[in-house]
């Protein structure tokens, strides 16, 4: 059960790579949308669908991680508190994926070519931030497997 996380994360990283290469195939050599391609709309729809699947995959992993962590490690009392920031990193990665999806869906509404190119460039490059969060998630998940959960931190109460 504990080794499912690294397997799923490696699958997520591979799928992220495939999504990026599919998105790059939509661009011509100058970074502009290659709308003159014959199967452009079908590839764009596939890219959009894969993006939504990636978000669902990440959201399901975040929810399942919050629930299953307590089952696998009963000594964890705070869901995201004793996992070396693992849950927070996953939430940031999910936020970046959602932002990338919103940017991707908004590109067609931008009418000025220069601003549209900047949208496409940012949408293309944000995948590196998502990949960085995925690698950090993989490393902190491996840290939990190797070192076990971190110690519970007690908060200091200051009374006036």
N, C-alpha and C. Protein backbone atom coordinates (compact mmCIF):
# COMPACT_ATOMS: atom_id res chain seq x y z
N UNK A 1 0.83 -1.20 0.00
CA UNK A 1 0.00 0.00 0.00
C UNK A 1 0.87 1.26 0.00
N UNK A 2 1.96 1.21 0.77
CA UNK A 2 2.81 2.39 0.89
C UNK A 2 3.55 2.71 -0.40
N UNK A 3 3.81 1.71 -1.23
CA UNK A 3 4.56 1.94 -2.45
C UNK A 3 3.70 2.39 -3.62
N UNK A 4 2.40 2.53 -3.41
CA UNK A 4 1.53 3.01 -4.48
C UNK A 4 1.83 4.46 -4.84
N UNK A 5 2.17 5.27 -3.84
CA UNK A 5 2.41 6.69 -4.10
C UNK A 5 3.54 6.93 -5.10
N UNK A 6 4.72 6.32 -4.91
CA UNK A 6 5.78 6.57 -5.91
C UNK A 6 5.40 6.09 -7.31
N UNK A 7 4.67 4.99 -7.39
CA UNK A 7 4.26 4.49 -8.70
C UNK A 7 3.29 5.47 -9.36
N UNK A 8 2.32 5.96 -8.60
CA UNK A 8 1.36 6.92 -9.15
C UNK A 8 2.04 8.23 -9.50
N UNK A 9 3.01 8.66 -8.71
CA UNK A 9 3.69 9.92 -9.00
C UNK A 9 4.55 9.80 -10.25
N UNK A 10 5.21 8.67 -10.44
CA UNK A 10 5.98 8.48 -11.67
C UNK A 10 5.05 8.44 -12.88
N UNK A 11 3.88 7.82 -12.72
CA UNK A 11 2.89 7.84 -13.78
C UNK A 11 2.39 9.25 -14.06
N UNK A 12 2.19 10.04 -13.00
CA UNK A 12 1.76 11.43 -13.15
C UNK A 12 2.81 12.23 -13.91
N UNK A 13 4.09 12.05 -13.56
CA UNK A 13 5.15 12.78 -14.25
C UNK A 13 5.24 12.37 -15.73
N UNK A 14 5.07 11.08 -16.00
CA UNK A 14 5.09 10.63 -17.39
C UNK A 14 3.92 11.23 -18.17
N UNK A 15 2.74 11.24 -17.55
CA UNK A 15 1.56 11.79 -18.20
C UNK A 15 1.71 13.30 -18.41
N UNK A 16 2.35 13.96 -17.46
CA UNK A 16 2.62 15.39 -17.59
C UNK A 16 3.55 15.65 -18.78
N UNK A 17 4.55 14.78 -18.94
CA UNK A 17 5.45 14.90 -20.08
C UNK A 17 4.70 14.68 -21.39
N UNK A 18 3.84 13.68 -21.43
CA UNK A 18 3.06 13.42 -22.64
C UNK A 18 2.12 14.59 -22.95
N UNK A 19 1.54 15.20 -21.91
CA UNK A 19 0.66 16.36 -22.09
C UNK A 19 1.46 17.54 -22.66
N UNK A 20 2.66 17.74 -22.16
CA UNK A 20 3.49 18.83 -22.67
C UNK A 20 3.87 18.60 -24.13
N UNK A 21 4.25 17.38 -24.47
CA UNK A 21 4.62 17.12 -25.87
C UNK A 21 3.40 17.22 -26.78
N UNK A 22 2.22 16.86 -26.30
CA UNK A 22 1.01 17.05 -27.10
C UNK A 22 0.72 18.54 -27.29
N UNK A 23 0.90 19.32 -26.22
CA UNK A 23 0.70 20.77 -26.33
C UNK A 23 1.73 21.42 -27.24
N UNK A 24 2.98 20.95 -27.18
CA UNK A 24 4.01 21.51 -28.06
C UNK A 24 3.73 21.18 -29.52
N UNK A 25 3.05 20.06 -29.77
CA UNK A 25 2.73 19.71 -31.15
C UNK A 25 1.68 20.66 -31.74
N UNK A 26 0.98 21.39 -30.87
CA UNK A 26 0.00 22.37 -31.34
C UNK A 26 0.65 23.67 -31.79
N UNK A 27 1.91 23.86 -31.44
CA UNK A 27 2.61 25.10 -31.77
C UNK A 27 3.51 24.88 -32.97
N UNK A 28 3.71 25.93 -33.76
CA UNK A 28 4.67 25.84 -34.85
C UNK A 28 6.06 26.17 -34.31
N UNK A 29 7.03 26.32 -35.19
CA UNK A 29 8.40 26.56 -34.74
C UNK A 29 8.59 27.89 -34.03
N UNK A 30 7.72 28.85 -34.26
CA UNK A 30 7.86 30.17 -33.66
C UNK A 30 7.03 30.34 -32.40
N UNK A 31 6.42 29.27 -31.91
CA UNK A 31 5.65 29.34 -30.68
C UNK A 31 4.23 29.82 -30.86
N UNK A 32 3.78 29.93 -32.10
CA UNK A 32 2.41 30.36 -32.35
C UNK A 32 1.55 29.12 -32.59
N UNK A 33 0.25 29.28 -32.37
CA UNK A 33 -0.66 28.17 -32.62
C UNK A 33 -0.67 27.83 -34.10
N UNK A 34 -0.48 26.57 -34.41
CA UNK A 34 -0.42 26.12 -35.80
C UNK A 34 -1.82 25.68 -36.23
N UNK A 35 -2.69 26.66 -36.47
CA UNK A 35 -4.09 26.35 -36.78
C UNK A 35 -4.28 25.80 -38.18
N UNK A 36 -3.25 25.87 -39.02
CA UNK A 36 -3.40 25.37 -40.38
C UNK A 36 -3.23 23.85 -40.47
N UNK A 37 -2.89 23.21 -39.37
CA UNK A 37 -2.76 21.75 -39.35
C UNK A 37 -4.13 21.12 -39.60
N UNK A 38 -4.14 19.94 -40.17
CA UNK A 38 -5.41 19.30 -40.51
C UNK A 38 -6.15 18.79 -39.27
N UNK A 39 -5.43 18.27 -38.32
CA UNK A 39 -6.08 17.71 -37.12
C UNK A 39 -5.89 18.62 -35.90
N UNK A 40 -5.81 19.92 -36.11
CA UNK A 40 -5.55 20.86 -35.02
C UNK A 40 -6.66 20.82 -33.97
N UNK A 41 -7.91 20.88 -34.40
CA UNK A 41 -9.03 20.91 -33.45
C UNK A 41 -9.12 19.62 -32.65
N UNK A 42 -8.88 18.48 -33.29
CA UNK A 42 -8.93 17.20 -32.57
C UNK A 42 -7.80 17.11 -31.55
N UNK A 43 -6.61 17.56 -31.94
CA UNK A 43 -5.47 17.55 -31.01
C UNK A 43 -5.70 18.52 -29.87
N UNK A 44 -6.28 19.68 -30.16
CA UNK A 44 -6.59 20.66 -29.11
C UNK A 44 -7.61 20.10 -28.13
N UNK A 45 -8.63 19.42 -28.64
CA UNK A 45 -9.63 18.81 -27.76
C UNK A 45 -9.01 17.71 -26.90
N UNK A 46 -8.10 16.94 -27.48
CA UNK A 46 -7.41 15.89 -26.73
C UNK A 46 -6.53 16.51 -25.64
N UNK A 47 -5.83 17.59 -25.98
CA UNK A 47 -4.99 18.30 -25.01
C UNK A 47 -5.83 18.85 -23.85
N UNK A 48 -6.97 19.41 -24.16
CA UNK A 48 -7.88 19.94 -23.14
C UNK A 48 -8.40 18.81 -22.25
N UNK A 49 -8.78 17.70 -22.86
CA UNK A 49 -9.31 16.55 -22.11
C UNK A 49 -8.24 15.97 -21.19
N UNK A 50 -7.02 15.82 -21.70
CA UNK A 50 -5.93 15.31 -20.88
C UNK A 50 -5.64 16.24 -19.71
N UNK A 51 -5.74 17.55 -19.94
CA UNK A 51 -5.54 18.50 -18.84
C UNK A 51 -6.57 18.33 -17.75
N UNK A 52 -7.82 18.13 -18.14
CA UNK A 52 -8.87 17.92 -17.14
C UNK A 52 -8.67 16.60 -16.40
N UNK A 53 -8.21 15.58 -17.11
CA UNK A 53 -7.93 14.29 -16.47
C UNK A 53 -6.77 14.45 -15.47
N UNK A 54 -5.74 15.21 -15.84
CA UNK A 54 -4.62 15.43 -14.91
C UNK A 54 -5.09 16.15 -13.65
N UNK A 55 -5.98 17.11 -13.79
CA UNK A 55 -6.51 17.82 -12.62
C UNK A 55 -7.32 16.86 -11.75
N UNK A 56 -8.15 16.03 -12.37
CA UNK A 56 -8.91 15.04 -11.62
C UNK A 56 -8.01 14.04 -10.91
N UNK A 57 -6.94 13.62 -11.58
CA UNK A 57 -5.96 12.70 -11.01
C UNK A 57 -5.29 13.31 -9.79
N UNK A 58 -4.89 14.57 -9.92
CA UNK A 58 -4.22 15.26 -8.81
C UNK A 58 -5.19 15.50 -7.66
N UNK A 59 -6.43 15.90 -7.96
CA UNK A 59 -7.42 16.13 -6.91
C UNK A 59 -7.76 14.83 -6.19
N UNK A 60 -7.92 13.75 -6.94
CA UNK A 60 -8.20 12.45 -6.32
C UNK A 60 -7.03 12.02 -5.44
N UNK A 61 -5.81 12.28 -5.90
CA UNK A 61 -4.64 11.94 -5.09
C UNK A 61 -4.56 12.75 -3.82
N UNK A 62 -4.94 14.02 -3.90
CA UNK A 62 -4.92 14.88 -2.71
C UNK A 62 -5.95 14.41 -1.69
N UNK A 63 -7.16 14.12 -2.15
CA UNK A 63 -8.22 13.66 -1.24
C UNK A 63 -7.89 12.27 -0.69
N UNK A 64 -7.46 11.37 -1.56
CA UNK A 64 -7.11 10.02 -1.11
C UNK A 64 -5.92 10.05 -0.16
N UNK A 65 -4.97 10.94 -0.44
CA UNK A 65 -3.82 11.06 0.46
C UNK A 65 -4.22 11.54 1.84
N UNK A 66 -5.13 12.49 1.89
CA UNK A 66 -5.59 12.99 3.19
C UNK A 66 -6.33 11.91 3.97
N UNK A 67 -7.07 11.06 3.26
CA UNK A 67 -7.84 10.01 3.94
C UNK A 67 -6.97 8.80 4.26
N UNK A 68 -6.20 8.33 3.27
CA UNK A 68 -5.44 7.10 3.45
C UNK A 68 -4.21 7.26 4.33
N UNK A 69 -3.68 8.46 4.43
CA UNK A 69 -2.50 8.65 5.28
C UNK A 69 -2.80 8.29 6.72
N UNK A 70 -3.97 8.66 7.19
CA UNK A 70 -4.37 8.30 8.55
C UNK A 70 -4.55 6.81 8.73
N UNK A 71 -4.94 6.11 7.67
CA UNK A 71 -5.10 4.65 7.76
C UNK A 71 -3.77 3.93 7.74
N UNK A 72 -2.86 4.38 6.87
CA UNK A 72 -1.56 3.72 6.75
C UNK A 72 -0.65 4.07 7.92
N UNK A 73 -0.71 5.33 8.36
CA UNK A 73 0.09 5.79 9.49
C UNK A 73 -0.86 6.27 10.59
N UNK A 74 -1.28 5.41 11.49
CA UNK A 74 -2.23 5.85 12.52
C UNK A 74 -1.64 6.87 13.50
N UNK A 75 -0.32 6.99 13.55
CA UNK A 75 0.29 7.95 14.47
C UNK A 75 0.17 9.39 13.97
N UNK A 76 -0.23 9.59 12.72
CA UNK A 76 -0.43 10.94 12.20
C UNK A 76 -1.78 11.44 12.69
N UNK A 77 -1.74 12.54 13.42
CA UNK A 77 -2.98 13.09 13.97
C UNK A 77 -3.48 14.29 13.18
N UNK A 78 -2.59 15.02 12.55
CA UNK A 78 -2.96 16.17 11.73
C UNK A 78 -2.79 15.75 10.27
N UNK A 79 -3.84 15.85 9.42
CA UNK A 79 -3.74 15.31 8.07
C UNK A 79 -2.54 15.80 7.25
N UNK A 80 -2.28 17.10 7.21
CA UNK A 80 -1.14 17.59 6.44
C UNK A 80 0.02 18.02 7.33
N UNK A 81 -0.10 17.81 8.63
CA UNK A 81 0.86 18.38 9.56
C UNK A 81 2.13 17.60 9.76
N UNK A 82 2.13 16.30 9.57
CA UNK A 82 3.30 15.49 9.88
C UNK A 82 3.86 14.80 8.64
N UNK A 83 3.72 15.43 7.50
CA UNK A 83 4.16 14.79 6.26
C UNK A 83 5.21 15.61 5.52
N UNK A 84 5.98 16.39 6.25
CA UNK A 84 7.06 17.20 5.67
C UNK A 84 6.55 18.16 4.60
N UNK A 85 5.34 18.63 4.74
CA UNK A 85 4.76 19.55 3.77
C UNK A 85 4.22 18.88 2.52
N UNK A 86 4.13 17.57 2.54
CA UNK A 86 3.74 16.81 1.36
C UNK A 86 2.34 17.19 0.85
N UNK A 87 1.38 17.29 1.74
CA UNK A 87 0.02 17.65 1.33
C UNK A 87 -0.06 19.07 0.80
N UNK A 88 0.70 19.97 1.40
CA UNK A 88 0.69 21.36 0.94
C UNK A 88 1.32 21.47 -0.45
N UNK A 89 2.36 20.70 -0.69
CA UNK A 89 3.00 20.70 -2.01
C UNK A 89 2.03 20.17 -3.05
N UNK A 90 1.29 19.12 -2.71
CA UNK A 90 0.28 18.59 -3.62
C UNK A 90 -0.81 19.60 -3.91
N UNK A 91 -1.22 20.35 -2.89
CA UNK A 91 -2.26 21.38 -3.09
C UNK A 91 -1.74 22.50 -3.98
N UNK A 92 -0.47 22.89 -3.82
CA UNK A 92 0.12 23.91 -4.70
C UNK A 92 0.22 23.41 -6.14
N UNK A 93 0.60 22.14 -6.30
CA UNK A 93 0.64 21.57 -7.65
C UNK A 93 -0.73 21.54 -8.30
N UNK A 94 -1.75 21.19 -7.52
CA UNK A 94 -3.12 21.20 -8.05
C UNK A 94 -3.54 22.62 -8.43
N UNK A 95 -3.18 23.59 -7.60
CA UNK A 95 -3.49 24.99 -7.92
C UNK A 95 -2.83 25.44 -9.22
N UNK A 96 -1.59 25.03 -9.44
CA UNK A 96 -0.90 25.39 -10.69
C UNK A 96 -1.55 24.70 -11.89
N UNK A 97 -1.99 23.46 -11.71
CA UNK A 97 -2.69 22.77 -12.80
C UNK A 97 -3.99 23.47 -13.16
N UNK A 98 -4.74 23.89 -12.14
CA UNK A 98 -6.00 24.60 -12.40
C UNK A 98 -5.72 25.93 -13.09
N UNK A 99 -4.67 26.63 -12.64
CA UNK A 99 -4.30 27.90 -13.27
C UNK A 99 -3.90 27.68 -14.73
N UNK A 100 -3.18 26.62 -15.00
CA UNK A 100 -2.80 26.32 -16.37
C UNK A 100 -4.02 26.00 -17.23
N UNK A 101 -4.97 25.28 -16.67
CA UNK A 101 -6.20 24.98 -17.42
C UNK A 101 -6.99 26.25 -17.72
N UNK A 102 -7.11 27.12 -16.73
CA UNK A 102 -7.85 28.37 -16.94
C UNK A 102 -7.14 29.23 -17.99
N UNK A 103 -5.81 29.29 -17.93
CA UNK A 103 -5.07 30.04 -18.95
C UNK A 103 -5.28 29.43 -20.33
N UNK A 104 -5.22 28.11 -20.40
CA UNK A 104 -5.40 27.45 -21.69
C UNK A 104 -6.77 27.68 -22.28
N UNK A 105 -7.79 27.67 -21.42
CA UNK A 105 -9.15 27.91 -21.91
C UNK A 105 -9.37 29.37 -22.27
N UNK A 106 -8.56 30.27 -21.71
CA UNK A 106 -8.73 31.71 -21.96
C UNK A 106 -7.95 32.21 -23.16
N UNK A 107 -7.05 31.42 -23.69
CA UNK A 107 -6.19 31.88 -24.79
C UNK A 107 -7.02 32.30 -26.00
N UNK A 108 -8.07 31.57 -26.31
CA UNK A 108 -8.85 31.88 -27.51
C UNK A 108 -9.61 33.20 -27.40
N UNK A 109 -9.80 33.71 -26.18
CA UNK A 109 -10.54 34.96 -26.00
C UNK A 109 -9.65 36.20 -26.10
N UNK A 110 -8.36 36.02 -26.07
CA UNK A 110 -7.43 37.15 -26.15
C UNK A 110 -7.27 37.52 -27.63
N UNK A 111 -7.53 38.79 -27.94
CA UNK A 111 -7.54 39.19 -29.35
C UNK A 111 -6.22 39.80 -29.81
N UNK A 112 -5.48 40.45 -28.93
CA UNK A 112 -4.21 41.07 -29.33
C UNK A 112 -3.15 39.98 -29.48
N UNK A 113 -2.47 39.94 -30.62
CA UNK A 113 -1.53 38.85 -30.88
C UNK A 113 -0.36 38.79 -29.89
N UNK A 114 0.17 39.94 -29.50
CA UNK A 114 1.32 39.94 -28.59
C UNK A 114 0.92 39.39 -27.21
N UNK A 115 -0.25 39.79 -26.72
CA UNK A 115 -0.71 39.30 -25.43
C UNK A 115 -1.06 37.82 -25.53
N UNK A 116 -1.61 37.41 -26.67
CA UNK A 116 -1.93 35.99 -26.86
C UNK A 116 -0.66 35.15 -26.83
N UNK A 117 0.40 35.63 -27.47
CA UNK A 117 1.68 34.91 -27.46
C UNK A 117 2.22 34.78 -26.04
N UNK A 118 2.05 35.83 -25.24
CA UNK A 118 2.50 35.77 -23.84
C UNK A 118 1.67 34.77 -23.05
N UNK A 119 0.37 34.73 -23.29
CA UNK A 119 -0.49 33.74 -22.64
C UNK A 119 -0.02 32.33 -22.99
N UNK A 120 0.23 32.09 -24.28
CA UNK A 120 0.66 30.77 -24.73
C UNK A 120 2.01 30.41 -24.11
N UNK A 121 2.93 31.36 -24.06
CA UNK A 121 4.24 31.10 -23.48
C UNK A 121 4.13 30.78 -22.00
N UNK A 122 3.32 31.54 -21.26
CA UNK A 122 3.16 31.27 -19.83
C UNK A 122 2.46 29.94 -19.62
N UNK A 123 1.44 29.65 -20.42
CA UNK A 123 0.72 28.38 -20.32
C UNK A 123 1.67 27.22 -20.62
N UNK A 124 2.57 27.42 -21.58
CA UNK A 124 3.52 26.38 -21.94
C UNK A 124 4.56 26.16 -20.85
N UNK A 125 5.00 27.24 -20.22
CA UNK A 125 6.09 27.12 -19.25
C UNK A 125 5.64 26.81 -17.83
N UNK A 126 4.36 26.99 -17.52
CA UNK A 126 3.91 26.71 -16.16
C UNK A 126 3.97 25.21 -15.85
N UNK A 127 4.07 24.40 -16.90
CA UNK A 127 4.15 22.96 -16.70
C UNK A 127 5.42 22.60 -15.94
N UNK A 128 6.47 23.44 -16.07
CA UNK A 128 7.70 23.18 -15.33
C UNK A 128 7.48 23.37 -13.83
N UNK A 129 6.66 24.35 -13.46
CA UNK A 129 6.33 24.55 -12.05
C UNK A 129 5.53 23.37 -11.52
N UNK A 130 4.59 22.89 -12.31
CA UNK A 130 3.81 21.71 -11.92
C UNK A 130 4.74 20.51 -11.76
N UNK A 131 5.68 20.34 -12.69
CA UNK A 131 6.63 19.24 -12.61
C UNK A 131 7.52 19.37 -11.38
N UNK A 132 7.92 20.60 -11.04
CA UNK A 132 8.74 20.80 -9.84
C UNK A 132 7.96 20.40 -8.58
N UNK A 133 6.68 20.80 -8.52
CA UNK A 133 5.86 20.38 -7.38
C UNK A 133 5.67 18.87 -7.36
N UNK A 134 5.55 18.25 -8.53
CA UNK A 134 5.40 16.79 -8.58
C UNK A 134 6.66 16.09 -8.09
N UNK A 135 7.83 16.61 -8.47
CA UNK A 135 9.08 16.01 -8.00
C UNK A 135 9.23 16.21 -6.49
N UNK A 136 8.89 17.41 -5.99
CA UNK A 136 8.92 17.64 -4.54
C UNK A 136 7.95 16.71 -3.82
N UNK A 137 6.79 16.49 -4.41
CA UNK A 137 5.83 15.58 -3.82
C UNK A 137 6.37 14.15 -3.79
N UNK A 138 7.03 13.76 -4.87
CA UNK A 138 7.64 12.44 -4.92
C UNK A 138 8.72 12.31 -3.86
N UNK A 139 9.55 13.34 -3.69
CA UNK A 139 10.63 13.30 -2.70
C UNK A 139 10.11 13.31 -1.27
N UNK A 140 9.11 14.15 -0.99
CA UNK A 140 8.57 14.16 0.38
C UNK A 140 7.80 12.88 0.67
N UNK A 141 7.15 12.31 -0.35
CA UNK A 141 6.49 11.02 -0.16
C UNK A 141 7.51 9.92 0.13
N UNK A 142 8.64 9.97 -0.59
CA UNK A 142 9.71 9.00 -0.31
C UNK A 142 10.31 9.24 1.07
N UNK A 143 10.38 10.52 1.48
CA UNK A 143 10.86 10.82 2.83
C UNK A 143 9.96 10.24 3.90
N UNK A 144 8.67 10.28 3.68
CA UNK A 144 7.74 9.69 4.64
C UNK A 144 7.92 8.17 4.67
N UNK A 145 8.14 7.55 3.50
CA UNK A 145 8.36 6.11 3.46
C UNK A 145 9.65 5.71 4.17
N UNK A 146 10.71 6.50 3.98
CA UNK A 146 12.01 6.15 4.54
C UNK A 146 12.10 6.53 6.02
N UNK A 147 11.74 7.76 6.35
CA UNK A 147 11.92 8.26 7.71
C UNK A 147 10.68 8.14 8.59
N UNK A 148 9.55 7.88 7.99
CA UNK A 148 8.30 7.86 8.74
C UNK A 148 7.77 9.27 8.91
N UNK A 149 6.60 9.40 9.51
CA UNK A 149 6.02 10.73 9.68
C UNK A 149 6.88 11.59 10.62
N UNK A 150 6.80 12.89 10.41
CA UNK A 150 7.53 13.80 11.28
C UNK A 150 6.83 13.90 12.63
N UNK A 151 7.49 14.52 13.56
CA UNK A 151 6.91 14.67 14.90
C UNK A 151 5.81 15.71 14.87
N UNK A 152 4.80 15.48 15.68
CA UNK A 152 3.72 16.45 15.79
C UNK A 152 4.25 17.70 16.46
N UNK A 153 3.90 18.83 15.91
CA UNK A 153 4.36 20.11 16.45
C UNK A 153 3.24 20.68 17.30
N UNK A 154 3.60 21.07 18.50
CA UNK A 154 2.60 21.71 19.36
C UNK A 154 2.72 23.21 19.17
N UNK A 155 1.60 23.85 19.04
CA UNK A 155 1.62 25.29 18.86
C UNK A 155 1.72 25.98 20.21
N UNK A 156 2.45 27.05 20.22
CA UNK A 156 2.62 27.82 21.45
C UNK A 156 1.42 28.74 21.60
N UNK A 157 0.79 28.67 22.73
CA UNK A 157 -0.36 29.52 23.01
C UNK A 157 0.12 30.73 23.81
N UNK A 158 -0.12 31.90 23.29
CA UNK A 158 0.27 33.13 23.97
C UNK A 158 -0.99 33.73 24.57
N UNK A 159 -1.00 33.85 25.87
CA UNK A 159 -2.16 34.46 26.53
C UNK A 159 -1.77 35.84 27.02
N UNK A 160 -2.64 36.80 26.83
CA UNK A 160 -2.30 38.17 27.25
C UNK A 160 -2.35 38.34 28.76
